[in-house]
Protein backbone atom coordinates (compact mmCIF):
# COMPACT_ATOMS: atom_id res chain seq x y z
CA UNK A 1 -17.69 -5.76 9.70
CA UNK A 2 -20.10 -3.52 11.61
CA UNK A 3 -23.46 -2.34 10.36
CA UNK A 4 -22.22 1.16 9.51
CA UNK A 5 -19.61 -0.20 7.11
CA UNK A 6 -22.16 -2.60 5.61
CA UNK A 7 -24.56 0.29 5.03
CA UNK A 8 -21.76 2.37 3.52
CA UNK A 9 -20.81 -0.52 1.24
CA UNK A 10 -24.42 -1.01 0.14
CA UNK A 11 -24.86 2.68 -0.73
CA UNK A 12 -21.48 2.79 -2.46
CA UNK A 13 -22.20 -0.27 -4.59
CA UNK A 14 -25.62 1.06 -5.57
CA UNK A 15 -24.10 4.37 -6.67
CA UNK A 16 -21.25 2.71 -8.59
CA UNK A 17 -23.63 0.38 -10.43
CA UNK A 18 -26.04 3.22 -11.19
CA UNK A 19 -23.30 5.55 -12.45
CA UNK A 20 -21.48 2.82 -14.34
CA UNK A 21 -24.61 1.68 -16.15
CA UNK A 22 -26.50 4.93 -16.76
CA UNK A 23 -24.04 7.84 -17.06
CA UNK A 24 -23.69 8.64 -20.79
CA UNK A 25 -20.47 8.75 -22.81
CA UNK A 26 -20.22 11.80 -25.06
CA UNK A 27 -17.61 13.37 -27.32
CA UNK A 28 -17.30 16.54 -25.23
CA UNK A 29 -18.51 16.14 -21.64
CA UNK A 30 -20.09 19.27 -20.19
CA UNK A 31 -21.86 17.95 -17.10
CA UNK A 32 -20.58 16.09 -14.04
CA UNK A 33 -22.46 12.92 -14.97
CA UNK A 34 -20.99 12.62 -18.48
CA UNK A 35 -18.00 10.45 -19.37
CA UNK A 36 -15.58 11.15 -22.26
CA UNK A 37 -15.43 9.11 -25.45
CA UNK A 38 -12.41 6.76 -25.46
CA UNK A 39 -11.14 5.72 -28.92
CA UNK A 40 -11.52 2.03 -29.58
CA UNK A 41 -13.98 1.53 -26.71
CA UNK A 42 -16.80 4.03 -26.94
CA UNK A 43 -19.87 3.15 -24.87
CA UNK A 44 -18.29 -0.18 -23.95
CA UNK A 45 -15.66 1.64 -21.87
CA UNK A 46 -18.03 1.52 -18.89
CA UNK A 47 -17.21 -2.15 -18.43
CA UNK A 48 -13.99 -1.00 -16.73
CA UNK A 49 -16.03 -0.11 -13.62
CA UNK A 50 -16.79 -3.81 -13.13
CA UNK A 51 -14.26 -5.82 -15.15
CA UNK A 52 -11.08 -4.15 -13.91
CA UNK A 53 -11.92 -4.32 -10.15
CA UNK A 54 -12.83 -8.02 -10.34
CA UNK A 55 -9.64 -8.85 -12.27
CA UNK A 56 -7.52 -6.76 -9.90
CA UNK A 57 -9.01 -8.27 -6.75
CA UNK A 58 -8.58 -11.78 -8.14
CA UNK A 59 -4.85 -11.07 -8.30
CA UNK A 60 -4.87 -9.56 -4.79
CA UNK A 61 -6.76 -12.58 -3.45
CA UNK A 62 -4.26 -15.00 -4.98
CA UNK A 63 -1.46 -12.92 -3.45
CA UNK A 64 -3.09 -13.14 -0.02
CA UNK A 65 -3.56 -16.86 -0.48
CA UNK A 66 0.19 -17.19 -1.02
CA UNK A 67 1.03 -14.92 1.94
CA UNK A 68 -1.14 -16.92 4.34
CA UNK A 69 0.27 -20.10 2.85
CA UNK A 70 3.77 -18.90 3.72
CA UNK A 71 2.51 -17.96 7.18
CA UNK A 72 1.22 -21.48 7.65
CA UNK A 73 4.58 -22.99 6.64
CA UNK A 74 6.27 -20.78 9.23
CA UNK A 75 3.81 -21.24 12.10
CA UNK A 76 1.99 -24.51 11.30
CA UNK A 77 -1.17 -22.74 12.50
CA UNK A 78 -4.16 -24.19 10.63
CA UNK A 79 -5.95 -20.85 10.93
CA UNK A 80 -3.49 -19.49 8.38
CA UNK A 81 -4.39 -22.36 6.07
CA UNK A 82 -8.07 -21.45 6.50
CA UNK A 83 -7.30 -17.81 5.68
CA UNK A 84 -5.36 -18.91 2.61
CA UNK A 85 -8.24 -21.10 1.47
CA UNK A 86 -10.80 -18.36 2.11
CA UNK A 87 -8.80 -15.94 -0.02
CA UNK A 88 -8.30 -18.57 -2.71
CA UNK A 89 -12.03 -19.30 -2.97
CA UNK A 90 -13.07 -15.64 -3.14
CA UNK A 91 -10.26 -14.92 -5.61
CA UNK A 92 -11.43 -17.75 -7.83
CA UNK A 93 -14.95 -16.30 -7.84
CA UNK A 94 -13.60 -12.86 -8.76
CA UNK A 95 -11.49 -14.43 -11.52
CA UNK A 96 -14.64 -16.05 -12.94
CA UNK A 97 -16.47 -12.71 -12.74
CA UNK A 98 -13.58 -11.01 -14.54
CA UNK A 99 -13.75 -13.67 -17.26
CA UNK A 100 -17.53 -13.34 -17.60
CA UNK A 101 -17.53 -9.52 -17.76
CA UNK A 102 -14.64 -9.65 -20.22
CA UNK A 103 -16.53 -12.14 -22.38
CA UNK A 104 -19.63 -9.92 -22.40
CA UNK A 105 -17.49 -7.00 -23.52
CA UNK A 106 -15.84 -9.20 -26.17
CA UNK A 107 -19.24 -10.20 -27.56
CA UNK A 108 -20.20 -6.59 -28.28
CA UNK A 109 -16.75 -5.39 -29.33
CA UNK A 110 -15.25 -8.42 -31.11
CA UNK A 111 -18.38 -10.27 -32.20
CA UNK A 112 -18.09 -13.38 -30.00
CA UNK A 113 -17.84 -14.23 -26.32
CA UNK A 114 -14.50 -16.03 -26.70
CA UNK A 115 -11.69 -15.30 -29.16
CA UNK A 116 -8.63 -16.90 -27.53
CA UNK A 117 -7.12 -13.45 -27.19
CA UNK A 118 -3.89 -13.52 -25.08
CA UNK A 119 -5.72 -11.78 -22.22
CA UNK A 120 -8.60 -14.25 -22.30
CA UNK A 121 -6.23 -17.19 -22.65
CA UNK A 122 -3.98 -16.08 -19.80
CA UNK A 123 -6.92 -15.76 -17.39
CA UNK A 124 -8.25 -19.12 -18.52
CA UNK A 125 -4.87 -20.68 -17.71
CA UNK A 126 -4.95 -19.07 -14.25
CA UNK A 127 -8.39 -20.58 -13.65
CA UNK A 128 -6.99 -24.00 -14.53
CA UNK A 129 -3.96 -23.52 -12.28
CA UNK A 130 -5.99 -22.48 -9.25
CA UNK A 131 -8.79 -24.91 -10.02
CA UNK A 132 -6.19 -27.67 -9.74
CA UNK A 133 -5.44 -26.49 -6.22
CA UNK A 134 -9.05 -27.19 -5.22
CA UNK A 135 -8.68 -30.67 -6.69
CA UNK A 136 -5.47 -31.16 -4.70
CA UNK A 137 -7.11 -30.11 -1.44
CA UNK A 138 -10.13 -32.34 -1.97
CA UNK A 139 -7.90 -35.35 -2.62
CA UNK A 140 -6.07 -35.14 0.74
CA UNK A 141 -7.85 -35.99 3.99
CA UNK A 142 -5.08 -35.35 6.53
CA UNK A 143 -5.22 -31.67 7.59
CA UNK A 144 -1.52 -30.96 8.08
CA UNK A 145 -0.47 -32.67 4.86
CA UNK A 146 -3.20 -30.87 2.93
CA UNK A 147 -2.21 -27.53 4.40
CA UNK A 148 1.49 -28.09 3.65
CA UNK A 149 0.96 -29.10 0.03
CA UNK A 150 -1.60 -26.32 -0.53
CA UNK A 151 0.78 -23.70 0.86
CA UNK A 152 3.63 -24.82 -1.39
CA UNK A 153 1.30 -25.00 -4.39
CA UNK A 154 -0.09 -21.51 -3.71
CA UNK A 155 3.45 -20.10 -3.73
CA UNK A 156 4.34 -21.59 -7.12
CA UNK A 157 0.87 -20.80 -8.49
CA UNK A 158 1.15 -17.12 -7.63
CA UNK A 159 4.53 -16.88 -9.36
CA UNK A 160 2.59 -17.32 -12.61
CA UNK A 161 0.06 -14.56 -11.83
CA UNK A 162 2.23 -11.53 -12.74
CA UNK A 163 3.21 -13.16 -16.04
CA UNK A 164 -0.26 -14.25 -17.11
CA UNK A 165 -2.00 -11.10 -15.83
CA UNK A 166 0.39 -8.26 -16.61
CA UNK A 167 3.19 -9.45 -18.93
CA UNK A 168 1.89 -12.00 -21.44
CA UNK A 169 -1.15 -9.95 -22.60
CA UNK A 170 1.09 -6.91 -23.23
CA UNK A 171 3.93 -8.59 -25.13
CA UNK A 172 1.65 -10.46 -27.55
CA UNK A 173 -0.55 -9.10 -30.33
CA UNK A 174 -4.21 -9.29 -29.44
CA UNK A 175 -7.64 -7.69 -29.47
CA UNK A 176 -7.71 -6.59 -25.84
CA UNK A 177 -6.77 -2.96 -25.07
CA UNK A 178 -3.16 -2.82 -23.97
CA UNK A 179 -1.92 -5.59 -26.28
CA UNK A 180 1.42 -5.20 -28.05
CA UNK A 181 -0.23 -3.99 -31.27
CA UNK A 182 -2.78 -1.71 -29.58
CA UNK A 183 -2.75 1.76 -31.16
CA UNK A 184 -6.01 3.13 -29.73
CA UNK A 185 -6.83 3.14 -26.04
CA UNK A 186 -3.72 1.56 -24.53
CA UNK A 187 -3.59 0.04 -21.05
CA UNK A 188 -6.08 1.15 -18.43
CA UNK A 189 -3.57 3.58 -16.91
CA UNK A 190 -3.46 5.44 -20.23
CA UNK A 191 -7.22 5.82 -20.68
CA UNK A 192 -8.24 9.39 -21.32
CA UNK A 193 -10.67 9.58 -18.42
CA UNK A 194 -11.96 12.88 -17.14
CA UNK A 195 -12.14 13.61 -13.43
CA UNK A 196 -15.69 12.27 -13.09
CA UNK A 197 -14.84 8.98 -14.75
CA UNK A 198 -11.70 8.55 -12.66
CA UNK A 199 -13.74 9.29 -9.52
CA UNK A 200 -16.30 6.57 -10.34
CA UNK A 201 -13.51 4.19 -11.32
CA UNK A 202 -11.70 4.59 -7.99
CA UNK A 203 -15.01 4.41 -6.11
CA UNK A 204 -15.62 1.12 -7.87
CA UNK A 205 -12.19 -0.17 -6.83
CA UNK A 206 -12.89 0.91 -3.25
CA UNK A 207 -16.35 -0.67 -3.10
CA UNK A 208 -15.18 -3.96 -4.61
CA UNK A 209 -12.22 -4.02 -2.21
CA UNK A 210 -14.50 -3.58 0.81
CA UNK A 211 -16.82 -6.23 -0.63
CA UNK A 212 -13.87 -8.58 -1.04
CA UNK A 213 -12.77 -8.09 2.57
CA UNK A 214 -16.30 -8.70 3.85
CA UNK A 215 -16.71 -11.86 1.77
CA UNK A 216 -13.24 -13.09 2.74
CA UNK A 217 -13.96 -12.59 6.45
CA UNK A 218 -17.31 -14.39 6.18
CA UNK A 219 -15.76 -17.24 4.21
CA UNK A 220 -12.88 -17.59 6.67
CA UNK A 221 -15.27 -17.90 9.62
CA UNK A 222 -17.41 -20.37 7.68
CA UNK A 223 -14.36 -22.54 6.98
CA UNK A 224 -13.38 -22.50 10.67
CA UNK A 225 -16.90 -23.50 11.73
CA UNK A 226 -17.02 -26.24 9.11
CA UNK A 227 -13.70 -27.69 10.31
CA UNK A 228 -14.82 -27.61 13.94
CA UNK A 229 -18.03 -29.44 13.08
CA UNK A 230 -16.07 -31.96 11.03
CA UNK A 231 -13.64 -32.61 13.87
CA UNK A 232 -16.51 -32.93 16.34
CA UNK A 233 -18.22 -35.53 14.15
CA UNK A 234 -14.94 -37.44 13.90
CA UNK A 235 -14.57 -37.53 17.69
CA UNK A 236 -18.17 -38.65 18.17
């Protein structure tokens, strides 16, 4: 990533954080910096600028991990395994961030950081599933065997992502917006955002996506360097 894109990302993130934290929510917005009141969420609706992008990119990262895992099985190129691992690690971090931001929102809206809501529970299960993959990789020394098993695991692991992320939380009664018994705000796609709020929301998605790509690229190169140093030490 060149310096121009890094500068653009820095400015974009600063603006998104500033707007997401400081722009007021009012009943009837009249100015460009005002967001509309969303029933059932109120001032807490601004968490969507941070919570939704991290949750979404966690799913995208797990998808990429599976895609590169499949690529490894087809080509047996360890670079694809490194790309899969890089995506897995960044996705796991984003999944943790999604859980943390969701817990902060739950504290103010539901009274406690954790309520075993279907949405919270489903993400917790995903963390366990993908955390087990790290344990699997650390238990296998031989590169090819580790890459093969990780690739197969990443395929089966991702098959659970659509269910735990998009289906389970919507077919079960819960506290999270978009649950089966939700009669207020509905899923994120049904939020009554005005143009300004939608603009900031999509800017947030864009900035977090660029950030994800940058972090993934850095992590991939770090993994390659680490493996080269490890192999060099083995030879010596």
